[in-house]
N, C-alpha and C. Protein backbone atom coordinates (compact mmCIF):
# COMPACT_ATOMS: atom_id res chain seq x y z
N MET A 1 -14.54 -8.60 -89.35
CA MET A 1 -15.57 -9.53 -89.74
C MET A 1 -16.69 -8.83 -90.53
N ILE A 2 -16.82 -7.54 -90.32
CA ILE A 2 -17.86 -6.78 -91.02
C ILE A 2 -17.62 -6.82 -92.53
N TYR A 3 -16.36 -6.68 -92.93
CA TYR A 3 -16.05 -6.67 -94.36
C TYR A 3 -16.30 -8.03 -95.00
N TYR A 4 -15.98 -9.08 -94.26
CA TYR A 4 -16.23 -10.42 -94.78
C TYR A 4 -17.73 -10.63 -95.00
N LYS A 5 -18.51 -10.25 -94.02
CA LYS A 5 -19.96 -10.38 -94.13
C LYS A 5 -20.48 -9.56 -95.31
N ALA A 6 -19.96 -8.35 -95.46
CA ALA A 6 -20.38 -7.50 -96.57
C ALA A 6 -20.01 -8.14 -97.91
N SER A 7 -18.86 -8.80 -97.96
CA SER A 7 -18.45 -9.45 -99.22
C SER A 7 -19.39 -10.59 -99.58
N LEU A 8 -19.98 -11.22 -98.58
CA LEU A 8 -20.95 -12.29 -98.84
C LEU A 8 -22.30 -11.72 -99.26
N GLU A 9 -22.67 -10.61 -98.65
CA GLU A 9 -23.96 -10.00 -98.94
C GLU A 9 -23.96 -9.22 -100.26
N MET A 10 -22.82 -8.63 -100.59
CA MET A 10 -22.71 -7.80 -101.81
C MET A 10 -21.45 -8.17 -102.58
N PRO A 11 -21.37 -9.38 -103.13
CA PRO A 11 -20.13 -9.83 -103.77
C PRO A 11 -19.72 -9.01 -104.99
N ASN A 12 -20.65 -8.26 -105.56
CA ASN A 12 -20.30 -7.43 -106.71
C ASN A 12 -19.77 -6.06 -106.29
N LYS A 13 -19.83 -5.76 -104.98
CA LYS A 13 -19.37 -4.46 -104.50
C LYS A 13 -18.22 -4.55 -103.49
N VAL A 14 -18.12 -5.67 -102.80
CA VAL A 14 -17.10 -5.82 -101.76
C VAL A 14 -16.33 -7.11 -102.01
N MET A 15 -15.01 -6.99 -102.06
CA MET A 15 -14.16 -8.17 -102.24
C MET A 15 -13.30 -8.32 -100.99
N PHE A 16 -13.33 -9.48 -100.41
CA PHE A 16 -12.58 -9.76 -99.18
C PHE A 16 -11.39 -10.63 -99.53
N LEU A 17 -10.19 -10.15 -99.22
CA LEU A 17 -8.96 -10.90 -99.47
C LEU A 17 -8.22 -11.11 -98.16
N LYS A 18 -7.54 -12.23 -98.08
CA LYS A 18 -6.71 -12.50 -96.91
C LYS A 18 -5.24 -12.41 -97.33
N TYR A 19 -4.45 -11.81 -96.48
CA TYR A 19 -3.02 -11.67 -96.74
C TYR A 19 -2.38 -13.03 -97.00
N GLU A 20 -2.74 -14.01 -96.20
CA GLU A 20 -2.16 -15.34 -96.34
C GLU A 20 -2.43 -15.93 -97.72
N GLU A 21 -3.66 -15.73 -98.21
CA GLU A 21 -4.00 -16.24 -99.54
C GLU A 21 -3.21 -15.51 -100.62
N MET A 22 -3.00 -14.23 -100.42
CA MET A 22 -2.23 -13.45 -101.39
C MET A 22 -0.79 -13.95 -101.45
N LYS A 23 -0.23 -14.29 -100.31
CA LYS A 23 1.13 -14.81 -100.28
C LYS A 23 1.21 -16.20 -100.91
N GLU A 24 0.18 -17.02 -100.68
CA GLU A 24 0.19 -18.40 -101.18
C GLU A 24 -0.13 -18.49 -102.67
N ARG A 25 -1.09 -17.68 -103.12
CA ARG A 25 -1.56 -17.77 -104.51
C ARG A 25 -1.72 -16.38 -105.11
N PRO A 26 -0.62 -15.64 -105.26
CA PRO A 26 -0.74 -14.25 -105.71
C PRO A 26 -1.36 -14.11 -107.10
N MET A 27 -0.99 -14.96 -108.02
CA MET A 27 -1.51 -14.81 -109.39
C MET A 27 -3.02 -15.04 -109.43
N GLU A 28 -3.46 -16.06 -108.74
CA GLU A 28 -4.89 -16.37 -108.70
C GLU A 28 -5.68 -15.19 -108.13
N LEU A 29 -5.19 -14.61 -107.05
CA LEU A 29 -5.92 -13.51 -106.43
C LEU A 29 -5.82 -12.23 -107.26
N LEU A 30 -4.69 -12.01 -107.91
CA LEU A 30 -4.59 -10.84 -108.79
C LEU A 30 -5.58 -10.96 -109.95
N ARG A 31 -5.74 -12.16 -110.47
CA ARG A 31 -6.75 -12.36 -111.53
C ARG A 31 -8.15 -12.06 -111.01
N ARG A 32 -8.44 -12.55 -109.80
CA ARG A 32 -9.76 -12.29 -109.20
C ARG A 32 -10.00 -10.80 -109.00
N VAL A 33 -8.99 -10.09 -108.52
CA VAL A 33 -9.11 -8.65 -108.30
C VAL A 33 -9.34 -7.94 -109.63
N ALA A 34 -8.58 -8.31 -110.64
CA ALA A 34 -8.73 -7.70 -111.96
C ALA A 34 -10.14 -7.93 -112.51
N GLU A 35 -10.64 -9.14 -112.38
CA GLU A 35 -12.00 -9.44 -112.84
C GLU A 35 -13.03 -8.66 -112.03
N PHE A 36 -12.83 -8.58 -110.72
CA PHE A 36 -13.74 -7.84 -109.85
C PHE A 36 -13.81 -6.37 -110.28
N LEU A 37 -12.67 -5.83 -110.69
CA LEU A 37 -12.61 -4.43 -111.12
C LEU A 37 -13.05 -4.24 -112.57
N GLY A 38 -13.36 -5.34 -113.24
CA GLY A 38 -13.81 -5.26 -114.62
C GLY A 38 -12.68 -5.15 -115.62
N CYS A 39 -11.48 -5.57 -115.23
CA CYS A 39 -10.30 -5.50 -116.10
C CYS A 39 -9.58 -6.84 -116.12
N PRO A 40 -10.22 -7.89 -116.64
CA PRO A 40 -9.56 -9.20 -116.62
C PRO A 40 -8.25 -9.18 -117.41
N PHE A 41 -7.32 -10.03 -116.99
CA PHE A 41 -6.02 -10.10 -117.64
C PHE A 41 -6.14 -10.70 -119.03
N SER A 42 -5.39 -10.14 -119.95
CA SER A 42 -5.20 -10.79 -121.24
C SER A 42 -4.01 -11.73 -121.08
N GLU A 43 -3.76 -12.55 -122.07
CA GLU A 43 -2.63 -13.48 -121.98
C GLU A 43 -1.30 -12.74 -121.86
N ALA A 44 -1.16 -11.63 -122.59
CA ALA A 44 0.08 -10.85 -122.54
C ALA A 44 0.28 -10.25 -121.15
N VAL A 45 -0.77 -9.72 -120.58
CA VAL A 45 -0.67 -9.14 -119.24
C VAL A 45 -0.38 -10.23 -118.22
N ASP A 46 -0.98 -11.38 -118.41
CA ASP A 46 -0.76 -12.52 -117.53
C ASP A 46 0.74 -12.85 -117.47
N GLU A 47 1.39 -12.87 -118.61
CA GLU A 47 2.83 -13.16 -118.66
C GLU A 47 3.63 -12.07 -117.96
N GLN A 48 3.25 -10.82 -118.16
CA GLN A 48 3.96 -9.71 -117.52
C GLN A 48 3.80 -9.77 -116.00
N VAL A 49 2.61 -10.06 -115.54
CA VAL A 49 2.36 -10.15 -114.10
C VAL A 49 3.16 -11.32 -113.52
N ASN A 50 3.20 -12.43 -114.22
CA ASN A 50 4.00 -13.57 -113.76
C ASN A 50 5.47 -13.18 -113.61
N GLU A 51 5.98 -12.42 -114.56
CA GLU A 51 7.37 -11.98 -114.51
C GLU A 51 7.59 -11.04 -113.32
N ILE A 52 6.68 -10.14 -113.08
CA ILE A 52 6.80 -9.23 -111.94
C ILE A 52 6.77 -10.02 -110.63
N LEU A 53 5.86 -10.97 -110.53
CA LEU A 53 5.79 -11.79 -109.32
C LEU A 53 7.08 -12.58 -109.13
N ARG A 54 7.63 -13.07 -110.22
CA ARG A 54 8.89 -13.81 -110.14
C ARG A 54 10.00 -12.89 -109.64
N LEU A 55 10.07 -11.68 -110.18
CA LEU A 55 11.10 -10.73 -109.75
C LEU A 55 10.94 -10.34 -108.29
N LEU A 56 9.71 -10.28 -107.84
CA LEU A 56 9.45 -9.95 -106.43
C LEU A 56 9.54 -11.18 -105.54
N GLN A 57 9.81 -12.31 -106.15
CA GLN A 57 9.93 -13.60 -105.47
C GLN A 57 8.64 -14.00 -104.77
N LEU A 58 7.53 -13.65 -105.39
CA LEU A 58 6.23 -14.07 -104.87
C LEU A 58 5.75 -15.32 -105.59
N ARG A 59 6.51 -15.77 -106.55
CA ARG A 59 6.15 -16.96 -107.31
C ARG A 59 7.28 -17.92 -107.32
């Protein structure tokens, strides 16, 4: 719970993810992580990530 609270207090420094959300919406959360790290997906990367998720059967 400490990490969740920290993510609310310092959203630019702490990102809180739930495993269940990652399983349900992997692409959405990967985009959020990339943006959080300052590396948002381009359209080409988006397609590559979708293909990887498909191969891993996460999509």
